[in-house]
C-alpha atoms as a PDB file:
ATOM      1  CA  UNK A   1     138.062  64.049  -6.225  1.00  0.00           C
ATOM      2  CA  UNK A   2     134.474  64.987  -5.527  1.00  0.00           C
ATOM      3  CA  UNK A   3     131.828  62.626  -4.334  1.00  0.00           C
ATOM      4  CA  UNK A   4     128.417  62.783  -5.898  1.00  0.00           C
ATOM      5  CA  UNK A   5     125.716  63.580  -3.401  1.00  0.00           C
ATOM      6  CA  UNK A   6     122.131  62.534  -3.543  1.00  0.00           C
ATOM      7  CA  UNK A   7     119.786  65.398  -4.175  1.00  0.00           C
ATOM      8  CA  UNK A   8     117.454  65.902  -1.260  1.00  0.00           C
ATOM      9  CA  UNK A   9     113.823  66.537  -1.964  1.00  0.00           C
ATOM     10  CA  UNK A  10     110.977  67.463   0.308  1.00  0.00           C
ATOM     11  CA  UNK A  11     108.993  64.401   1.256  1.00  0.00           C
ATOM     12  CA  UNK A  12     105.380  64.585   2.299  1.00  0.00           C
ATOM     13  CA  UNK A  13     103.920  62.276   4.943  1.00  0.00           C
ATOM     14  CA  UNK A  14     101.676  60.639   2.332  1.00  0.00           C
ATOM     15  CA  UNK A  15     104.847  59.713   0.372  1.00  0.00           C
ATOM     16  CA  UNK A  16     106.276  57.904   3.411  1.00  0.00           C
ATOM     17  CA  UNK A  17     103.252  55.923   4.469  1.00  0.00           C
ATOM     18  CA  UNK A  18     101.449  53.301   2.438  1.00  0.00           C
ATOM     19  CA  UNK A  19      97.938  54.276   1.302  1.00  0.00           C
ATOM     20  CA  UNK A  20      96.464  51.827   3.812  1.00  0.00           C
ATOM     21  CA  UNK A  21      97.832  53.989   6.645  1.00  0.00           C
ATOM     22  CA  UNK A  22      96.348  57.172   5.257  1.00  0.00           C
ATOM     23  CA  UNK A  23      92.877  55.709   5.398  1.00  0.00           C
ATOM     24  CA  UNK A  24      93.648  53.938   8.656  1.00  0.00           C
ATOM     25  CA  UNK A  25      91.117  54.338  11.405  1.00  0.00           C
ATOM     26  CA  UNK A  26      93.592  53.150  14.021  1.00  0.00           C
ATOM     27  CA  UNK A  27      95.309  56.413  14.937  1.00  0.00           C
ATOM     28  CA  UNK A  28      97.492  54.714  17.549  1.00  0.00           C
ATOM     29  CA  UNK A  29      98.969  52.488  14.858  1.00  0.00           C
ATOM     30  CA  UNK A  30      99.575  55.552  12.671  1.00  0.00           C
ATOM     31  CA  UNK A  31     101.252  57.402  15.567  1.00  0.00           C
ATOM     32  CA  UNK A  32     103.448  54.365  16.272  1.00  0.00           C
ATOM     33  CA  UNK A  33     104.484  54.179  12.622  1.00  0.00           C
ATOM     34  CA  UNK A  34     105.417  57.865  12.692  1.00  0.00           C
ATOM     35  CA  UNK A  35     107.491  57.318  15.849  1.00  0.00           C
ATOM     36  CA  UNK A  36     109.358  54.502  14.099  1.00  0.00           C
ATOM     37  CA  UNK A  37     110.051  56.770  11.120  1.00  0.00           C
ATOM     38  CA  UNK A  38     111.217  59.588  13.384  1.00  0.00           C
ATOM     39  CA  UNK A  39     113.569  57.258  15.290  1.00  0.00           C
ATOM     40  CA  UNK A  40     115.003  55.894  12.035  1.00  0.00           C
ATOM     41  CA  UNK A  41     115.694  59.362  10.647  1.00  0.00           C
ATOM     42  CA  UNK A  42     117.233  60.593  13.910  1.00  0.00           C
ATOM     43  CA  UNK A  43     119.580  57.584  13.906  1.00  0.00           C
ATOM     44  CA  UNK A  44     120.614  58.370  10.316  1.00  0.00           C
ATOM     45  CA  UNK A  45     121.233  62.019  11.217  1.00  0.00           C
ATOM     46  CA  UNK A  46     123.291  60.976  14.267  1.00  0.00           C
ATOM     47  CA  UNK A  47     125.458  58.667  12.123  1.00  0.00           C
ATOM     48  CA  UNK A  48     125.995  61.368   9.493  1.00  0.00           C
ATOM     49  CA  UNK A  49     126.872  63.908  12.191  1.00  0.00           C
ATOM     50  CA  UNK A  50     129.298  61.469  13.817  1.00  0.00           C
ATOM     51  CA  UNK A  51     131.046  60.821  10.481  1.00  0.00           C
ATOM     52  CA  UNK A  52     131.185  64.535   9.714  1.00  0.00           C
ATOM     53  CA  UNK A  53     132.623  65.383  13.119  1.00  0.00           C
ATOM     54  CA  UNK A  54     135.292  62.690  12.750  1.00  0.00           C
ATOM     55  CA  UNK A  55     136.311  64.014   9.328  1.00  0.00           C
ATOM     56  CA  UNK A  56     136.388  67.624  10.574  1.00  0.00           C
ATOM     57  CA  UNK A  57     138.515  66.609  13.563  1.00  0.00           C
ATOM     58  CA  UNK A  58     140.983  64.822  11.285  1.00  0.00           C
ATOM     59  CA  UNK A  59     141.303  67.902   9.059  1.00  0.00           C
ATOM     60  CA  UNK A  60     141.675  70.171  12.102  1.00  0.00           C
ATOM     61  CA  UNK A  61     144.402  67.936  13.542  1.00  0.00           C
ATOM     62  CA  UNK A  62     146.280  67.800  10.234  1.00  0.00           C
ATOM     63  CA  UNK A  63     146.340  71.583   9.836  1.00  0.00           C
ATOM     64  CA  UNK A  64     147.006  72.178  13.521  1.00  0.00           C
ATOM     65  CA  UNK A  65     150.133  70.034  13.325  1.00  0.00           C
ATOM     66  CA  UNK A  66     151.246  72.034  10.280  1.00  0.00           C
ATOM     67  CA  UNK A  67     150.384  75.381  11.900  1.00  0.00           C
ATOM     68  CA  UNK A  68     151.927  74.902  15.375  1.00  0.00           C
ATOM     69  CA  UNK A  69     155.621  75.269  14.442  1.00  0.00           C
ATOM     70  CA  UNK A  70     154.867  78.363  12.336  1.00  0.00           C
ATOM     71  CA  UNK A  71     152.838  79.861  15.209  1.00  0.00           C
ATOM     72  CA  UNK A  72     155.742  79.208  17.591  1.00  0.00           C
ATOM     73  CA  UNK A  73     158.129  80.975  15.179  1.00  0.00           C
ATOM     74  CA  UNK A  74     155.699  83.898  14.883  1.00  0.00           C
ATOM     75  CA  UNK A  75     155.520  84.236  18.679  1.00  0.00           C
ATOM     76  CA  UNK A  76     159.332  84.160  18.932  1.00  0.00           C
ATOM     77  CA  UNK A  77     159.668  86.840  16.213  1.00  0.00           C
ATOM     78  CA  UNK A  78     157.109  89.093  17.908  1.00  0.00           C
ATOM     79  CA  UNK A  79     158.815  88.681  21.265  1.00  0.00           C
ATOM     80  CA  UNK A  80     162.228  89.455  19.743  1.00  0.00           C
ATOM     81  CA  UNK A  81     160.838  92.556  17.997  1.00  0.00           C
ATOM     82  CA  UNK A  82     159.403  93.906  21.282  1.00  0.00           C
ATOM     83  CA  UNK A  83     162.743  93.290  23.043  1.00  0.00           C
ATOM     84  CA  UNK A  84     164.574  95.107  20.206  1.00  0.00           C
ATOM     85  CA  UNK A  85     162.122  98.022  20.329  1.00  0.00           C
ATOM     86  CA  UNK A  86     162.621  98.366  24.094  1.00  0.00           C
ATOM     87  CA  UNK A  87     166.427  98.240  23.841  1.00  0.00           C
ATOM     88  CA  UNK A  88     166.612 100.646  20.885  1.00  0.00           C
ATOM     89  CA  UNK A  89     163.828 102.969  22.073  1.00  0.00           C
ATOM     90  CA  UNK A  90     165.931 106.143  21.641  1.00  0.00           C
ATOM     91  CA  UNK A  91     167.144 105.203  18.174  1.00  0.00           C
ATOM     92  CA  UNK A  92     163.731 104.116  16.855  1.00  0.00           C
ATOM     93  CA  UNK A  93     161.457 106.643  18.534  1.00  0.00           C
ATOM     94  CA  UNK A  94     163.539 109.822  18.914  1.00  0.00           C
ATOM     95  CA  UNK A  95     160.920 112.566  18.711  1.00  0.00           C
ATOM     96  CA  UNK A  96     158.234 110.328  17.222  1.00  0.00           C
ATOM     97  CA  UNK A  97     155.862 107.532  18.265  1.00  0.00           C
ATOM     98  CA  UNK A  98     155.867 105.745  14.900  1.00  0.00           C
ATOM     99  CA  UNK A  99     158.791 104.521  12.844  1.00  0.00           C
ATOM    100  CA  UNK A 100     157.778 103.633   9.280  1.00  0.00           C
ATOM    101  CA  UNK A 101     159.797 100.796   7.780  1.00  0.00           C
ATOM    102  CA  UNK A 102     159.546  98.948   4.455  1.00  0.00           C
ATOM    103  CA  UNK A 103     157.541  96.023   5.925  1.00  0.00           C
ATOM    104  CA  UNK A 104     155.423  97.943   8.397  1.00  0.00           C
ATOM    105  CA  UNK A 105     155.580 100.358  11.270  1.00  0.00           C
ATOM    106  CA  UNK A 106     156.956 100.225  14.789  1.00  0.00           C
ATOM    107  CA  UNK A 107     154.688 101.969  17.288  1.00  0.00           C
ATOM    108  CA  UNK A 108     155.590 103.281  20.723  1.00  0.00           C
ATOM    109  CA  UNK A 109     152.868 104.386  23.119  1.00  0.00           C
ATOM    110  CA  UNK A 110     153.076 105.627  26.641  1.00  0.00           C
ATOM    111  CA  UNK A 111     150.256 105.629  29.126  1.00  0.00           C
ATOM    112  CA  UNK A 112     149.115 104.546  32.526  1.00  0.00           C
ATOM    113  CA  UNK A 113     148.210 101.033  33.553  1.00  0.00           C
ATOM    114  CA  UNK A 114     146.076 100.487  36.618  1.00  0.00           C
ATOM    115  CA  UNK A 115     146.628  97.366  38.680  1.00  0.00           C
ATOM    116  CA  UNK A 116     143.663  96.327  40.802  1.00  0.00           C
ATOM    117  CA  UNK A 117     144.165  94.140  43.875  1.00  0.00           C
ATOM    118  CA  UNK A 118     141.974  91.068  44.351  1.00  0.00           C
ATOM    119  CA  UNK A 119     140.128  92.538  47.349  1.00  0.00           C
ATOM    120  CA  UNK A 120     139.254  95.816  45.563  1.00  0.00           C
ATOM    121  CA  UNK A 121     135.578  94.818  45.098  1.00  0.00           C
ATOM    122  CA  UNK A 122     135.078  94.399  48.831  1.00  0.00           C
ATOM    123  CA  UNK A 123     136.881  97.660  49.534  1.00  0.00           C
ATOM    124  CA  UNK A 124     134.757  99.545  46.967  1.00  0.00           C
ATOM    125  CA  UNK A 125     131.576  98.134  48.551  1.00  0.00           C
ATOM    126  CA  UNK A 126     132.718  99.215  52.024  1.00  0.00           C
ATOM    127  CA  UNK A 127     133.628 102.711  50.828  1.00  0.00           C
ATOM    128  CA  UNK A 128     130.372 103.100  48.873  1.00  0.00           C
ATOM    129  CA  UNK A 129     131.962 103.364  45.432  1.00  0.00           C
ATOM    130  CA  UNK A 130     128.900 101.807  43.780  1.00  0.00           C
ATOM    131  CA  UNK A 131     129.537 103.553  40.442  1.00  0.00           C
ATOM    132  CA  UNK A 132     132.374 101.119  39.660  1.00  0.00           C
ATOM    133  CA  UNK A 133     130.574  97.935  40.708  1.00  0.00           C
ATOM    134  CA  UNK A 134     128.811  96.003  37.946  1.00  0.00           C
ATOM    135  CA  UNK A 135     125.573  94.361  39.023  1.00  0.00           C
ATOM    136  CA  UNK A 136     123.815  91.979  36.673  1.00  0.00           C
ATOM    137  CA  UNK A 137     120.149  91.754  37.544  1.00  0.00           C
ATOM    138  CA  UNK A 138     117.745  89.129  36.258  1.00  0.00           C
ATOM    139  CA  UNK A 139     114.525  87.519  37.337  1.00  0.00           C
ATOM    140  CA  UNK A 140     114.347  83.993  38.706  1.00  0.00           C
ATOM    141  CA  UNK A 141     111.646  82.603  36.403  1.00  0.00           C
ATOM    142  CA  UNK A 142     111.321  79.333  38.335  1.00  0.00           C
ATOM    143  CA  UNK A 143     110.641  81.199  41.578  1.00  0.00           C
ATOM    144  CA  UNK A 144     108.131  83.547  39.933  1.00  0.00           C
ATOM    145  CA  UNK A 145     106.259  80.622  38.387  1.00  0.00           C
ATOM    146  CA  UNK A 146     105.590  79.347  41.928  1.00  0.00           C
ATOM    147  CA  UNK A 147     103.931  82.617  43.004  1.00  0.00           C
ATOM    148  CA  UNK A 148     100.212  82.947  43.564  1.00  0.00           C
ATOM    149  CA  UNK A 149      98.050  84.576  40.886  1.00  0.00           C
ATOM    150  CA  UNK A 150      97.565  87.655  43.092  1.00  0.00           C
ATOM    151  CA  UNK A 151     101.301  88.156  43.469  1.00  0.00           C
ATOM    152  CA  UNK A 152     101.812  87.677  39.707  1.00  0.00           C
ATOM    153  CA  UNK A 153      99.279  90.437  39.017  1.00  0.00           C
ATOM    154  CA  UNK A 154     101.304  92.870  41.144  1.00  0.00           C
ATOM    155  CA  UNK A 155     104.177  92.737  38.640  1.00  0.00           C
ATOM    156  CA  UNK A 156     101.937  92.521  35.563  1.00  0.00           C
ATOM    157  CA  UNK A 157     102.473  88.814  34.976  1.00  0.00           C
ATOM    158  CA  UNK A 158      99.742  86.267  34.448  1.00  0.00           C
ATOM    159  CA  UNK A 159      99.368  82.519  34.453  1.00  0.00           C
ATOM    160  CA  UNK A 160      97.897  81.083  31.251  1.00  0.00           C
ATOM    161  CA  UNK A 161      96.969  77.475  30.519  1.00  0.00           C
ATOM    162  CA  UNK A 162      99.206  75.895  27.922  1.00  0.00           C
ATOM    163  CA  UNK A 163      99.189  72.557  26.134  1.00  0.00           C
ATOM    164  CA  UNK A 164     102.312  70.842  24.953  1.00  0.00           C
ATOM    165  CA  UNK A 165     102.827  67.739  22.887  1.00  0.00           C
ATOM    166  CA  UNK A 166     106.020  65.742  22.663  1.00  0.00           C
ATOM    167  CA  UNK A 167     107.192  62.205  22.147  1.00  0.00           C
ATOM    168  CA  UNK A 168     109.699  59.823  23.650  1.00  0.00           C
ATOM    169  CA  UNK A 169     111.409  57.335  21.380  1.00  0.00           C
ATOM    170  CA  UNK A 170     112.367  53.838  22.423  1.00  0.00           C
ATOM    171  CA  UNK A 171     115.839  52.752  21.416  1.00  0.00           C
ATOM    172  CA  UNK A 172     116.062  50.834  18.130  1.00  0.00           C
ATOM    173  CA  UNK A 173     115.552  47.042  18.139  1.00  0.00           C
ATOM    174  CA  UNK A 174     113.190  47.025  21.121  1.00  0.00           C
END
């Protein structure tokens, strides 16, 4: 069953406001009307988002419940296969690293695994092994913004005047 959806069209401000507003000399009244329209549309979007999230969560939960037992079986099968491969190593991998079977291949690899103790970073720093230490460098923008103009110029930065406009909506029914 499919639900019919309303076709959305682009709406211009002059379509939303009565003609009296468009010729209105009281710009504060116009701005207040726009704030009311913005609040109303944000509330509608929030309700739609809330409904959508609830529906998506219900679908996710339904499929998760269906998927979990199969995922547990898969994990058990994989674990059993690894145990079998370890026990029958000589039979499966005698002279080869890959055993081709009808449903896939069993692969055996040998290599080294390095275990690193928790205090290895400190030890590497003390011994001067800087080539293995990752350092993530970044600038502290908030601190730089507090610098004097002269200090900003030293690093090629500059302070420019900027204007910003925003709005703050009152809660509905106020």
